[in-house]
Amino acid sequence: MFVLSLTFAQKKYSPKAAPSQLTLEGKSLTGYTTSFDFAREEVRKGWWKFAREFGSPLNMKTYYKVTVPSEGTDGNVDLEIYTQTTDGKGGTQFFLGLESGTYKDQALTMILDFKKKFYINDLLAQIEENQTKSEKLSNEYREAILESKQQDLLKQITDLEDENQKLKERIKKIEKS
């Protein structure tokens, strides 16, 4: 029964981002907005981890400012990326923007890469959780004396394996989008 509840609680990935503008620190930023089916704090933490791979994120309380060193951009000026995470209808709205429109295509690629990686990481966490549950059920199976109990445990293990297959298929679809 808990496997069915996982199926209905799944988040829907959509590779869409809309052009958007935002003013922060008196600067007009051009960028993109996308939606997440996750709580605001989860998205903020995900962005923090993602941004640390290529720059230095700075928490400005209501938004993040990420400085990418000039060596990383093949330029002579550090690149600053601004993101803001806000509560939206049924989830979270995420804005990513730059002062300069020069890197507009890269901003779109970055927001979609972040979203893709975020959703894939969530699915991988679900797979790991199912594997842990399956291992516990396997141990219970070994200790079970009654055949009816063994059959029930085996069915639960099989259901978890089926769920993991579905999650892997979702990961493949997200990677292709």
Protein backbone atom coordinates (compact mmCIF):
# COMPACT_ATOMS: atom_id res chain seq x y z
CA MET A 1 0.00 0.00 0.00
CA PHE A 2 2.85 2.41 0.74
CA VAL A 3 4.19 1.86 -2.80
CA LEU A 4 0.94 3.22 -4.20
CA SER A 5 1.24 6.31 -2.02
CA LEU A 6 4.71 6.92 -3.46
CA THR A 7 3.29 6.77 -6.97
CA PHE A 8 0.67 9.43 -6.24
CA ALA A 9 3.13 11.70 -4.40
CA GLN A 10 5.56 11.89 -7.32
CA LYS A 11 6.64 15.26 -8.55
CA LYS A 12 6.05 16.24 -12.17
CA TYR A 13 9.11 17.42 -14.08
CA SER A 14 8.58 19.95 -16.83
CA PRO A 15 11.49 21.28 -18.91
CA LYS A 16 9.91 24.72 -19.22
CA ALA A 17 11.30 28.10 -18.27
CA ALA A 18 9.68 31.43 -19.12
CA PRO A 19 11.57 34.66 -19.83
CA SER A 20 11.35 36.96 -16.85
CA GLN A 21 12.66 40.19 -15.36
CA LEU A 22 13.37 41.06 -11.75
CA THR A 23 14.88 44.01 -9.92
CA LEU A 24 17.30 43.27 -7.09
CA GLU A 25 19.76 45.67 -5.47
CA GLY A 26 18.44 48.33 -7.84
CA LYS A 27 19.64 46.26 -10.81
CA SER A 28 17.29 45.15 -13.55
CA LEU A 29 17.93 41.48 -14.22
CA THR A 30 16.99 39.56 -17.33
CA GLY A 31 16.51 35.84 -16.89
CA TYR A 32 14.11 32.97 -16.61
CA THR A 33 11.56 31.60 -14.16
CA THR A 34 10.59 27.98 -13.72
CA SER A 35 8.38 26.02 -11.32
CA PHE A 36 9.26 23.23 -8.91
CA ASP A 37 6.87 20.86 -7.13
CA PHE A 38 8.99 21.10 -4.00
CA ALA A 39 9.07 23.27 -0.91
CA ARG A 40 10.96 26.55 -1.20
CA GLU A 41 13.65 25.53 1.29
CA GLU A 42 14.40 22.29 -0.59
CA VAL A 43 14.92 24.23 -3.83
CA ARG A 44 17.13 26.80 -2.06
CA LYS A 45 19.32 24.03 -0.60
CA GLY A 46 19.47 22.33 -3.99
CA TRP A 47 20.56 25.56 -5.66
CA TRP A 48 23.23 26.10 -2.99
CA LYS A 49 24.74 22.66 -3.68
CA PHE A 50 24.48 23.11 -7.45
CA ALA A 51 26.01 26.60 -7.47
CA ARG A 52 28.96 25.56 -5.32
CA GLU A 53 30.14 23.36 -8.20
CA PHE A 54 31.04 26.36 -10.34
CA GLY A 55 30.98 29.50 -8.20
CA SER A 56 30.70 31.10 -4.80
CA PRO A 57 27.06 31.44 -3.71
CA LEU A 58 26.26 34.16 -1.20
CA ASN A 59 22.99 34.04 0.74
CA MET A 60 21.47 37.53 0.66
CA LYS A 61 18.43 36.36 2.73
CA THR A 62 15.77 36.85 0.04
CA TYR A 63 17.94 35.77 -2.91
CA TYR A 64 21.29 34.23 -3.81
CA LYS A 65 24.12 35.94 -5.59
CA VAL A 66 26.63 33.58 -7.19
CA THR A 67 29.97 34.89 -8.37
CA VAL A 68 31.64 32.86 -11.09
CA PRO A 69 35.35 33.76 -11.29
CA SER A 70 36.54 35.21 -14.58
CA GLU A 71 38.79 32.17 -15.17
CA GLY A 72 35.63 30.08 -15.37
CA THR A 73 33.97 32.35 -17.92
CA ASP A 74 36.98 32.98 -20.17
CA GLY A 75 36.56 36.68 -19.58
CA ASN A 76 38.23 39.39 -17.56
CA VAL A 77 35.25 40.20 -15.34
CA ASP A 78 33.61 37.94 -12.76
CA LEU A 79 30.10 36.87 -13.74
CA GLU A 80 27.33 37.39 -11.19
CA ILE A 81 24.22 35.22 -11.26
CA TYR A 82 21.17 36.15 -9.20
CA THR A 83 18.51 33.70 -8.13
CA GLN A 84 15.36 34.12 -6.12
CA THR A 85 13.17 31.35 -4.78
CA THR A 86 9.58 32.21 -3.87
CA ASP A 87 6.49 30.28 -2.85
CA GLY A 88 4.14 29.76 -5.76
CA LYS A 89 0.96 27.89 -6.59
CA GLY A 90 1.45 24.31 -5.46
CA GLY A 91 5.21 24.63 -5.16
CA THR A 92 8.06 27.05 -5.72
CA GLN A 93 8.96 29.62 -8.35
CA PHE A 94 12.67 29.91 -9.15
CA PHE A 95 14.17 32.91 -10.95
CA LEU A 96 17.68 32.95 -12.41
CA GLY A 97 18.99 36.10 -14.00
CA LEU A 98 21.99 38.18 -15.01
CA GLU A 99 22.57 41.89 -15.36
CA SER A 100 23.91 41.43 -18.85
CA GLY A 101 21.81 39.99 -21.65
CA THR A 102 25.02 38.68 -23.22
CA TYR A 103 24.70 35.34 -21.43
CA LYS A 104 20.94 34.93 -21.87
CA ASP A 105 21.25 31.55 -23.63
CA GLN A 106 23.61 30.28 -20.93
CA ALA A 107 21.16 31.42 -18.24
CA LEU A 108 18.41 29.33 -19.86
CA THR A 109 20.73 26.33 -20.09
CA MET A 110 21.77 26.76 -16.45
CA ILE A 111 18.25 26.99 -15.02
CA LEU A 112 17.15 23.92 -16.99
CA ASP A 113 20.30 21.98 -16.03
CA PHE A 114 19.69 22.82 -12.37
CA LYS A 115 16.06 21.76 -12.58
CA LYS A 116 16.94 18.50 -14.34
CA LYS A 117 19.65 17.65 -11.82
CA PHE A 118 17.36 18.56 -8.90
CA TYR A 119 14.57 16.24 -10.04
CA ILE A 120 16.97 13.40 -10.89
CA ASN A 121 18.59 13.67 -7.45
CA ASP A 122 15.14 13.42 -5.84
CA LEU A 123 14.35 10.27 -7.84
CA LEU A 124 17.73 8.76 -6.96
CA ALA A 125 17.03 9.41 -3.28
CA GLN A 126 13.70 7.57 -3.64
CA ILE A 127 15.49 4.63 -5.28
CA GLU A 128 18.01 4.48 -2.43
CA GLU A 129 15.21 4.60 0.13
CA ASN A 130 13.42 1.74 -1.65
CA GLN A 131 16.64 -0.28 -1.71
CA THR A 132 17.09 0.22 2.04
CA LYS A 133 13.50 -0.91 2.64
CA SER A 134 14.03 -3.89 0.36
CA GLU A 135 17.16 -4.93 2.30
CA LYS A 136 15.24 -4.78 5.60
CA LEU A 137 12.43 -6.84 4.10
CA SER A 138 14.99 -9.36 2.80
CA ASN A 139 16.35 -9.80 6.31
CA GLU A 140 12.82 -10.28 7.63
CA TYR A 141 12.20 -12.84 4.88
CA ARG A 142 15.23 -14.87 5.96
CA GLU A 143 13.97 -14.92 9.54
CA ALA A 144 10.32 -15.61 8.71
CA ILE A 145 9.11 -19.07 9.57
CA LEU A 146 5.61 -19.04 8.10
CA GLU A 147 5.32 -19.42 4.35
CA SER A 148 2.46 -16.89 4.24
CA LYS A 149 4.70 -14.29 5.90
CA GLN A 150 7.49 -15.08 3.42
CA GLN A 151 5.10 -14.67 0.48
CA ASP A 152 3.88 -11.31 1.83
CA LEU A 153 7.47 -10.08 2.27
CA LEU A 154 8.43 -11.31 -1.19
CA LYS A 155 5.50 -9.40 -2.70
CA GLN A 156 6.60 -6.21 -0.90
CA ILE A 157 10.16 -6.65 -2.19
CA THR A 158 8.88 -7.20 -5.72
CA ASP A 159 6.69 -4.08 -5.47
CA LEU A 160 9.71 -2.03 -4.41
CA GLU A 161 11.74 -3.38 -7.33
CA ASP A 162 8.90 -2.49 -9.72
CA GLU A 163 8.73 1.01 -8.24
CA ASN A 164 12.49 1.41 -8.74
CA GLN A 165 12.14 0.38 -12.38
CA LYS A 166 9.48 3.07 -12.87
CA LEU A 167 11.70 5.63 -11.17
CA LYS A 168 14.61 4.68 -13.45
CA GLU A 169 12.36 5.14 -16.47
CA ARG A 170 11.40 8.61 -15.22
CA ILE A 171 15.10 9.47 -14.84
CA LYS A 172 15.72 8.39 -18.45
CA LYS A 173 12.84 10.61 -19.65
CA ILE A 174 14.17 13.60 -17.71
CA GLU A 175 17.69 13.08 -19.08
CA LYS A 176 16.35 13.04 -22.65
CA SER A 177 14.32 16.24 -22.26
